[in-house]
Protein backbone atom coordinates (compact mmCIF):
# COMPACT_ATOMS: atom_id res chain seq x y z
CA MET A 1 -29.90 -59.40 -41.95
CA SER A 2 -28.84 -60.70 -38.75
CA ARG A 3 -28.30 -58.31 -36.03
CA ASN A 4 -26.35 -59.68 -33.18
CA LEU A 5 -24.04 -57.86 -31.19
CA ILE A 6 -21.45 -59.34 -28.73
CA LEU A 7 -20.28 -56.68 -26.35
CA ILE A 8 -16.73 -57.45 -24.50
CA THR A 9 -16.34 -55.06 -21.27
CA GLY A 10 -14.14 -54.81 -18.15
CA ASN A 11 -17.01 -55.37 -15.74
CA TYR A 12 -20.16 -54.08 -17.11
CA PRO A 13 -22.90 -54.81 -16.10
CA PHE A 14 -21.22 -55.62 -12.56
CA SER A 15 -19.85 -53.45 -9.96
CA GLY A 16 -20.06 -49.80 -10.14
CA GLN A 17 -17.21 -49.14 -13.27
CA GLU A 18 -17.93 -48.32 -17.31
CA THR A 19 -20.83 -46.12 -16.13
CA PHE A 20 -21.02 -45.00 -19.79
CA LEU A 21 -22.21 -48.19 -20.91
CA GLU A 22 -25.52 -47.89 -18.94
CA THR A 23 -26.62 -45.22 -21.14
CA GLU A 24 -24.94 -46.53 -24.89
CA ILE A 25 -26.53 -49.95 -24.17
CA ILE A 26 -29.97 -48.50 -24.25
CA GLU A 27 -29.02 -47.23 -27.83
CA LEU A 28 -27.46 -50.15 -29.16
CA ALA A 29 -30.42 -52.73 -28.09
CA SER A 30 -32.80 -50.71 -29.70
CA VAL A 31 -30.79 -51.43 -33.04
CA PHE A 32 -29.43 -55.29 -32.56
CA ASN A 33 -31.90 -58.19 -32.39
CA ARG A 34 -29.82 -59.89 -29.59
CA VAL A 35 -26.76 -58.42 -27.59
CA VAL A 36 -24.49 -60.92 -25.81
CA ILE A 37 -22.01 -58.94 -22.99
CA LEU A 38 -18.87 -60.88 -22.07
CA PRO A 39 -17.52 -59.25 -18.91
CA SER A 40 -14.46 -60.59 -17.85
CA ASP A 41 -14.78 -59.55 -14.24
CA ILE A 42 -18.03 -60.70 -12.63
CA ARG A 43 -17.54 -59.14 -8.98
CA GLY A 44 -20.06 -57.15 -7.50
CA ARG A 45 -23.69 -56.24 -7.86
CA LYS A 46 -25.22 -56.98 -11.20
CA ARG A 47 -26.97 -53.88 -12.81
CA SER A 48 -30.12 -54.37 -15.07
CA VAL A 49 -29.89 -54.48 -18.53
CA PRO A 50 -32.69 -54.01 -21.69
CA ALA A 51 -34.56 -56.94 -22.04
CA ASN A 52 -32.83 -58.27 -25.33
CA VAL A 53 -29.49 -58.30 -23.74
CA GLU A 54 -27.88 -61.67 -22.19
CA VAL A 55 -25.06 -61.68 -20.00
CA ASP A 56 -22.84 -64.75 -20.41
CA GLU A 57 -20.85 -65.03 -17.07
CA SER A 58 -18.83 -68.04 -18.22
CA PHE A 59 -16.39 -65.96 -20.12
CA ALA A 60 -15.22 -64.14 -17.03
CA VAL A 61 -13.95 -67.60 -15.77
CA GLY A 62 -10.65 -67.96 -17.23
CA PHE A 63 -9.66 -64.05 -16.58
CA ASN A 64 -10.08 -65.01 -12.62
CA THR A 65 -8.02 -68.27 -12.87
CA ALA A 66 -4.14 -67.40 -11.43
CA GLY A 67 -2.77 -70.40 -13.77
CA ASN A 68 -3.61 -68.73 -17.10
CA LYS A 69 -1.20 -65.85 -16.12
CA VAL A 70 1.28 -68.82 -16.11
CA ARG A 71 0.50 -70.56 -19.08
CA SER A 72 0.27 -67.52 -21.38
CA LEU A 73 4.24 -67.20 -20.51
CA VAL A 74 4.84 -70.49 -22.42
CA SER A 75 2.61 -69.50 -25.22
CA TYR A 76 3.45 -68.97 -28.98
CA GLN A 77 2.04 -65.51 -28.64
CA PHE A 78 4.14 -64.37 -25.64
CA LEU A 79 7.22 -65.35 -27.63
CA ARG A 80 6.25 -63.20 -30.52
CA GLY A 81 5.52 -60.43 -27.96
CA LEU A 82 9.10 -60.77 -26.52
CA ILE A 83 10.66 -60.54 -30.18
CA LEU A 84 8.51 -57.88 -31.25
CA HIS A 85 9.38 -56.04 -28.18
CA ALA A 86 12.91 -56.94 -27.88
CA ARG A 87 14.06 -53.38 -27.08
CA TYR A 88 11.90 -53.41 -23.71
CA ALA A 89 13.34 -57.16 -23.01
CA GLY A 90 15.05 -55.55 -19.55
CA SER A 91 12.10 -54.21 -18.42
CA ILE A 92 9.99 -56.27 -15.78
CA GLN A 93 7.10 -54.20 -15.95
CA ALA A 94 7.04 -54.67 -20.19
CA ILE A 95 7.30 -58.18 -19.67
CA ARG A 96 4.20 -58.10 -17.30
CA ARG A 97 2.31 -56.08 -19.71
CA ILE A 98 3.03 -58.31 -22.70
CA ASN A 99 2.17 -61.44 -20.77
CA SER A 100 -0.92 -59.96 -19.72
CA PHE A 101 -1.94 -58.67 -23.02
CA CYS A 102 -1.31 -62.36 -24.35
CA ARG A 103 -3.36 -63.90 -21.69
CA ASP A 104 -6.18 -61.60 -22.52
CA LEU A 105 -6.18 -62.15 -26.23
CA ILE A 106 -5.64 -66.13 -25.71
CA LEU A 107 -8.54 -66.40 -23.49
CA THR A 108 -10.56 -64.17 -25.86
CA GLU A 109 -9.94 -66.11 -28.97
CA SER A 110 -10.48 -69.35 -26.96
CA TRP A 111 -13.62 -68.48 -25.59
CA LEU A 112 -14.98 -67.25 -28.91
CA GLU A 113 -13.84 -70.12 -30.68
CA LYS A 114 -15.66 -72.43 -28.48
CA HIS A 115 -18.93 -70.47 -27.35
CA ASN A 116 -19.85 -67.82 -29.67
CA PRO A 117 -23.81 -68.50 -30.33
CA PHE A 118 -23.69 -66.46 -33.75
CA LYS A 119 -22.12 -67.38 -36.98
CA GLU A 120 -22.73 -63.54 -38.16
CA ALA A 121 -22.26 -60.84 -35.69
CA VAL A 122 -20.47 -57.65 -34.63
CA ILE A 123 -17.94 -57.92 -32.03
CA TYR A 124 -17.63 -54.73 -30.17
CA THR A 125 -14.72 -54.07 -27.44
CA TYR A 126 -15.21 -51.42 -25.09
CA TRP A 127 -11.21 -50.92 -24.46
CA LEU A 128 -8.70 -51.19 -27.18
CA ASN A 129 -6.77 -53.98 -25.42
CA GLY A 130 -5.49 -57.73 -25.71
CA LYS A 131 -9.04 -58.71 -25.65
CA THR A 132 -9.86 -56.89 -28.86
CA HIS A 133 -6.46 -58.44 -30.24
CA GLY A 134 -8.16 -62.09 -29.72
CA ALA A 135 -11.41 -61.17 -31.10
CA ALA A 136 -10.06 -59.59 -34.34
CA ARG A 137 -7.68 -62.80 -34.70
CA TYR A 138 -10.96 -65.14 -34.09
CA ALA A 139 -12.55 -62.92 -37.02
CA GLN A 140 -9.77 -63.39 -39.34
CA GLU A 141 -11.26 -66.33 -40.88
CA ARG A 142 -14.93 -65.97 -40.10
CA ALA A 143 -16.60 -63.88 -43.10
CA GLY A 144 -19.52 -63.30 -40.95
CA ILE A 145 -17.95 -61.72 -38.17
CA SER A 146 -17.00 -58.00 -38.07
CA VAL A 147 -14.64 -56.57 -34.94
CA ILE A 148 -14.71 -53.03 -33.62
CA SER A 149 -13.35 -51.36 -30.58
CA ARG A 150 -13.70 -47.83 -28.93
CA ALA A 151 -10.33 -46.37 -27.23
CA HIS A 152 -10.58 -44.01 -24.27
CA ARG A 153 -7.55 -42.56 -22.50
CA TYR A 154 -5.50 -45.70 -21.02
CA ASP A 155 -5.75 -48.01 -23.83
CA LEU A 156 -4.91 -45.19 -26.35
CA TYR A 157 -1.83 -43.06 -25.33
CA ASP A 158 1.13 -45.17 -24.99
CA TYR A 159 2.81 -42.55 -22.80
CA TRP A 160 1.16 -43.23 -19.54
CA PHE A 161 3.25 -46.58 -19.65
CA THR A 162 6.72 -47.36 -18.70
CA PRO A 163 7.90 -48.17 -20.83
CA SER A 164 5.81 -46.41 -23.56
CA PHE A 165 4.13 -49.15 -25.79
CA TRP A 166 1.14 -51.26 -26.05
CA PRO A 167 2.02 -54.50 -27.09
CA PHE A 168 1.01 -55.56 -30.79
CA ARG A 169 -0.51 -52.09 -30.93
CA GLN A 170 0.35 -51.61 -34.89
CA LYS A 171 -1.03 -55.30 -35.49
CA THR A 172 -4.39 -55.04 -33.56
CA LEU A 173 -5.00 -51.87 -35.52
CA ASP A 174 -4.32 -53.61 -38.79
CA LEU A 175 -6.60 -56.46 -37.81
CA ILE A 176 -9.94 -54.70 -36.68
CA ASP A 177 -12.68 -53.38 -38.99
CA LYS A 178 -13.08 -50.03 -37.24
CA LEU A 179 -11.85 -48.09 -34.34
CA TYR A 180 -13.72 -45.23 -32.65
CA VAL A 181 -11.80 -42.91 -30.49
CA ILE A 182 -13.81 -40.65 -27.93
CA SER A 183 -12.06 -37.60 -28.78
CA GLN A 184 -10.42 -35.71 -31.67
CA ASP A 185 -7.19 -35.42 -29.94
CA GLY A 186 -7.34 -39.30 -29.56
CA TYR A 187 -7.79 -39.36 -33.48
CA ASP A 188 -4.79 -37.26 -33.74
CA TYR A 189 -2.66 -39.12 -31.52
CA LEU A 190 -3.48 -42.25 -33.27
CA GLN A 191 -2.61 -40.69 -37.01
CA SER A 192 0.54 -39.04 -35.55
CA HIS A 193 1.90 -42.42 -33.87
CA TYR A 194 0.69 -45.51 -36.07
CA GLN A 195 -0.31 -46.41 -39.63
CA ILE A 196 -4.17 -46.39 -39.77
CA ARG A 197 -6.19 -45.24 -42.65
CA GLU A 198 -8.51 -42.44 -42.10
CA THR A 199 -11.34 -44.05 -42.79
CA LYS A 200 -10.84 -46.86 -40.49
CA VAL A 201 -10.77 -44.71 -37.31
CA SER A 202 -13.53 -42.06 -36.39
CA VAL A 203 -14.43 -39.77 -33.61
CA SER A 204 -17.37 -40.77 -31.74
CA ARG A 205 -17.81 -38.87 -28.40
CA LEU A 206 -19.35 -40.20 -25.46
CA GLY A 207 -22.44 -38.23 -24.08
CA VAL A 208 -25.04 -38.11 -21.29
CA TYR A 209 -28.80 -37.65 -21.61
CA SER A 210 -30.72 -34.73 -20.97
CA THR A 211 -31.74 -34.50 -17.19
CA ASN A 212 -34.68 -31.83 -17.67
CA ASN A 213 -32.91 -29.62 -15.09
CA THR A 214 -30.94 -26.64 -14.64
CA THR A 215 -28.67 -26.74 -11.32
CA GLN A 216 -29.19 -23.62 -9.30
CA ARG A 217 -26.30 -21.20 -8.70
CA SER A 218 -25.92 -20.17 -4.94
CA SER A 219 -28.28 -17.00 -3.54
CA ASP A 220 -26.81 -17.21 -0.08
CA GLY A 221 -23.29 -15.69 -0.47
CA VAL A 222 -21.64 -18.99 -0.30
CA TYR A 223 -19.56 -20.33 -3.41
CA ARG A 224 -20.21 -24.00 -3.75
CA ILE A 225 -17.85 -26.20 -5.79
CA VAL A 226 -18.21 -29.77 -7.04
CA SER A 227 -15.62 -32.62 -8.05
CA VAL A 228 -16.64 -35.87 -9.54
CA SER A 229 -13.71 -38.53 -9.79
CA GLY A 230 -12.28 -41.52 -8.44
CA VAL A 231 -9.88 -40.72 -5.91
CA THR A 232 -6.41 -41.59 -7.74
CA LYS A 233 -3.14 -40.21 -8.39
CA MET A 234 -4.22 -39.34 -12.07
CA LYS A 235 -7.21 -37.40 -10.67
CA ARG A 236 -5.39 -35.32 -8.27
CA VAL A 237 -8.40 -35.08 -5.80
CA GLU A 238 -5.56 -34.14 -3.21
CA MET A 239 -4.60 -31.04 -5.10
CA ILE A 240 -8.25 -30.02 -5.15
CA ALA A 241 -8.28 -29.86 -1.65
CA ASP A 242 -5.04 -28.19 -1.37
CA TYR A 243 -6.07 -25.19 -3.79
CA LEU A 244 -9.51 -24.99 -1.91
CA VAL A 245 -7.97 -24.77 1.41
CA LYS A 246 -5.71 -21.88 0.11
CA LEU A 247 -8.36 -20.14 -1.34
CA ALA A 248 -10.63 -20.26 1.87
CA THR A 249 -7.40 -18.90 4.01
CA THR A 250 -6.64 -16.32 1.65
CA ASN A 251 -10.33 -15.09 1.40
CA ALA A 252 -11.21 -15.33 5.03
CA LYS A 253 -14.24 -13.24 4.90
CA GLN A 254 -15.97 -15.27 2.11
CA LYS A 255 -17.61 -18.72 2.68
CA PHE A 256 -17.27 -21.66 0.53
CA ALA A 257 -18.13 -25.33 0.14
CA TRP A 258 -16.76 -28.36 -1.57
CA THR A 259 -18.29 -31.54 -2.43
CA HIS A 260 -16.65 -34.29 -3.82
CA LEU A 261 -18.67 -37.39 -5.24
CA GLY A 262 -16.39 -40.33 -5.85
CA ALA A 263 -14.16 -43.14 -3.92
CA GLY A 264 -10.81 -44.79 -4.57
CA PRO A 265 -7.66 -45.27 -3.00
CA LEU A 266 -6.10 -41.96 -2.08
CA LEU A 267 -9.23 -40.79 -0.14
CA ASP A 268 -7.43 -40.88 3.20
CA THR A 269 -4.40 -38.76 1.66
CA VAL A 270 -7.38 -36.36 0.60
CA LYS A 271 -8.57 -36.28 4.34
CA ASP A 272 -4.98 -35.89 5.62
CA CYS A 273 -4.62 -32.63 3.13
CA LEU A 274 -7.67 -31.27 4.98
CA LYS A 275 -6.37 -32.27 9.03
CA GLY A 276 -4.98 -28.91 9.23
CA LEU A 277 -8.27 -27.22 8.02
CA ASN A 278 -8.37 -24.27 10.65
CA SER A 279 -10.73 -22.11 8.54
CA SER A 280 -14.70 -22.06 9.50
CA ASN A 281 -15.53 -20.49 6.03
CA LEU A 282 -14.83 -23.84 4.21
CA ARG A 283 -17.11 -26.66 4.45
CA VAL A 284 -16.06 -30.00 2.84
CA GLU A 285 -18.09 -33.09 2.11
CA LEU A 286 -16.40 -36.21 0.96
CA LYS A 287 -19.38 -38.41 -0.36
CA GLY A 288 -17.64 -41.60 -1.48
CA HIS A 289 -19.03 -43.94 -3.92
CA VAL A 290 -22.04 -42.58 -5.62
CA THR A 291 -24.10 -44.02 -8.47
CA ASN A 292 -24.81 -42.12 -11.74
CA ALA A 293 -28.07 -41.48 -10.69
CA GLU A 294 -27.04 -40.06 -7.49
CA VAL A 295 -24.98 -37.76 -9.27
CA TYR A 296 -27.64 -36.56 -11.09
CA ASP A 297 -29.93 -36.20 -7.76
CA TYR A 298 -27.07 -33.89 -6.33
CA TYR A 299 -27.41 -31.41 -9.33
CA ARG A 300 -30.81 -31.44 -9.24
CA HIS A 301 -30.99 -30.83 -5.36
CA HIS A 302 -28.21 -28.58 -4.39
CA PRO A 303 -26.83 -25.17 -5.77
CA VAL A 304 -23.36 -25.40 -7.41
CA ASP A 305 -21.42 -22.60 -8.99
CA VAL A 306 -18.35 -24.52 -10.37
CA PHE A 307 -17.27 -27.75 -11.28
CA LEU A 308 -13.62 -28.41 -10.71
CA ASN A 309 -11.31 -31.18 -12.52
CA LEU A 310 -7.49 -31.05 -12.01
CA SER A 311 -6.41 -34.01 -13.42
CA GLU A 312 -3.10 -34.69 -14.64
CA SER A 313 -4.82 -36.96 -17.82
CA GLU A 314 -8.24 -37.31 -19.32
CA GLY A 315 -9.56 -38.97 -22.23
CA LEU A 316 -13.08 -36.96 -22.71
CA PRO A 317 -14.64 -36.69 -19.20
CA VAL A 318 -18.19 -38.00 -18.89
CA SER A 319 -18.31 -36.16 -15.38
CA ILE A 320 -17.79 -32.76 -17.44
CA MET A 321 -20.53 -33.77 -19.63
CA GLU A 322 -22.80 -34.23 -16.97
CA ALA A 323 -21.92 -30.92 -15.19
CA GLN A 324 -22.92 -29.25 -18.69
CA ALA A 325 -26.11 -31.14 -18.91
CA ASN A 326 -27.21 -29.15 -16.13
CA GLY A 327 -25.58 -25.65 -16.91
CA VAL A 328 -22.83 -25.76 -14.50
CA PRO A 329 -19.56 -23.90 -15.79
CA VAL A 330 -16.47 -25.83 -15.64
CA ILE A 331 -12.82 -25.27 -14.57
CA ALA A 332 -10.23 -27.92 -15.94
CA PRO A 333 -6.99 -28.29 -17.35
CA ASP A 334 -6.01 -28.40 -20.87
CA VAL A 335 -5.21 -32.56 -21.07
CA GLY A 336 -6.13 -35.03 -23.64
CA GLY A 337 -9.46 -34.10 -25.10
CA VAL A 338 -10.87 -31.43 -22.66
CA SER A 339 -10.08 -28.37 -24.79
CA GLU A 340 -13.12 -30.21 -27.19
CA ILE A 341 -15.41 -29.61 -23.94
CA VAL A 342 -14.21 -26.56 -21.90
CA ASN A 343 -14.11 -23.19 -23.71
CA GLU A 344 -14.92 -19.62 -23.42
CA THR A 345 -18.79 -20.60 -23.32
CA THR A 346 -18.59 -23.51 -20.90
CA GLY A 347 -15.87 -22.26 -18.13
CA VAL A 348 -12.17 -21.85 -18.05
CA LEU A 349 -9.55 -24.05 -19.71
CA LEU A 350 -6.64 -24.02 -17.25
CA SER A 351 -2.97 -24.98 -18.60
CA GLU A 352 -1.71 -28.55 -18.77
CA LYS A 353 0.60 -27.59 -15.63
CA VAL A 354 -1.92 -25.53 -13.89
CA THR A 355 -0.59 -23.58 -10.80
CA TYR A 356 -2.56 -22.01 -7.54
CA ALA A 357 -2.63 -18.62 -9.12
CA GLU A 358 -4.11 -19.83 -12.90
CA PHE A 359 -6.58 -21.57 -10.80
CA GLU A 360 -7.45 -18.93 -8.69
CA ASN A 361 -7.82 -16.20 -11.41
CA ALA A 362 -10.32 -18.96 -13.23
CA PHE A 363 -12.43 -19.28 -10.32
CA TRP A 364 -13.19 -15.55 -9.59
CA LYS A 365 -13.33 -15.30 -13.48
CA ILE A 366 -16.64 -17.42 -13.17
CA CYS A 367 -18.10 -16.47 -10.20
CA THR A 368 -17.96 -12.87 -10.42
CA SER A 369 -19.17 -12.79 -14.07
CA GLU A 370 -22.68 -11.47 -14.35
CA SER A 371 -23.44 -12.36 -17.63
CA SER A 372 -20.77 -14.82 -18.87
CA TYR A 373 -21.11 -18.59 -18.55
CA SER A 374 -25.03 -18.89 -18.47
CA SER A 375 -26.43 -22.08 -17.74
CA ALA A 376 -28.46 -21.71 -21.10
CA SER A 377 -25.46 -21.22 -23.07
CA ILE A 378 -23.58 -24.10 -21.39
CA GLN A 379 -26.32 -26.32 -22.09
CA GLU A 380 -26.78 -25.49 -25.44
CA TYR A 381 -23.03 -26.46 -26.11
CA TRP A 382 -23.51 -29.74 -24.52
CA ARG A 383 -26.87 -30.36 -26.51
CA ALA A 384 -24.88 -29.74 -29.89
CA ASN A 385 -21.76 -31.69 -28.77
CA PHE A 386 -22.48 -34.09 -26.14
CA ASP A 387 -26.39 -35.46 -26.12
CA ALA A 388 -26.46 -39.35 -25.67
CA ALA A 389 -29.41 -39.49 -27.60
CA VAL A 390 -27.77 -38.10 -30.69
CA ASN A 391 -24.24 -39.59 -30.06
CA TYR A 392 -24.97 -42.96 -29.04
CA MET A 393 -27.80 -43.78 -31.38
CA LYS A 394 -25.68 -42.45 -34.41
CA PHE A 395 -22.85 -44.78 -32.78
CA ALA A 396 -25.27 -47.46 -33.02
CA HIS A 397 -26.52 -47.31 -36.19
CA GLU A 398 -22.67 -47.16 -37.35
CA VAL A 399 -22.06 -50.34 -35.45
CA GLN A 400 -25.03 -52.16 -37.08
CA SER A 401 -23.68 -51.39 -40.25
CA PHE A 402 -21.05 -53.78 -39.84
CA CYS A 403 -23.75 -56.63 -39.98
CA GLN A 404 -23.32 -58.93 -42.79
CA ASP A 405 -25.71 -59.67 -45.33
CA GLU A 406 -27.08 -63.23 -45.15
């Protein structure tokens, strides 16, 4: 049996994005003879990959050529997209999205037709997008090729776009062999919005490896809060800053420390939120961009009392899995699949439209509890649900099952 995998990514193994794949690729490489990664963006530092994994940078050439955005405007696929989504014809954003989708599908299908090194292979797209559609079109007339995909957040939930739709979504779902969503919430969303057989979609959660570490809680009277994310509008790090300033101001005799790991376009906005901070009882450290290894290193060498997330949208956050693997209790809002990881054992689940009062109650509930939210019980929940050694190996074997018999 041929065990060949083509993995289509955004930029992995380049840059610092798609960090989840650093873990997943280890298990995939262990069950496939050859793995070829096709990143569409090759800017930034190239990370190491397992020995039987190749990276073909030629795939990215078309995606970085400005002319291809213009050429897709006169393509048959773009015309079909305009007809199919005619109700959005008055929206410039919709037209741009249709064009971007068509560019991706055309470039992906064309590259595979010219350069695919395998007659039998599984094509796995890490995001459910135009590249998935292009790969599925390519596979239609080729019996030895199967196409599967993952769906996370932006590539799954239509409502985060204006207008709310994904081009060719039903057709993409019809063409692919299998879709893996990272949360039960994602599965339920698909079933309620599209016509897709139950057997064609499965929940396959992401995960993190054991760190063989239990992060200590503070013992010096300081409450230490950690947040880990990009600094973007969706992640609402400025809200974290605002809430923690209020917490410190109204509890002047208590000392607090907040460390944020992550960078992004709104980092200056967060700094502005902190400019008026006169309180001497809140120490803030904005670390900027950090690697996965540096996140783990932080949990290993610093006490942490609470992991805080106030995002307005999530899939199922790996950052929360990392905190739980180290035994840290979590406060996060009920968005996306967060309720599948934050519960009475692991922390406090806030409402979707969180308020400061709700956050404050949750904070004191965790920090003043003598017996609840023990590190051991938090880690046990992580081990049962989000252990990468279990989740990714199971997923890798499922992907391998799509290999065709010779």
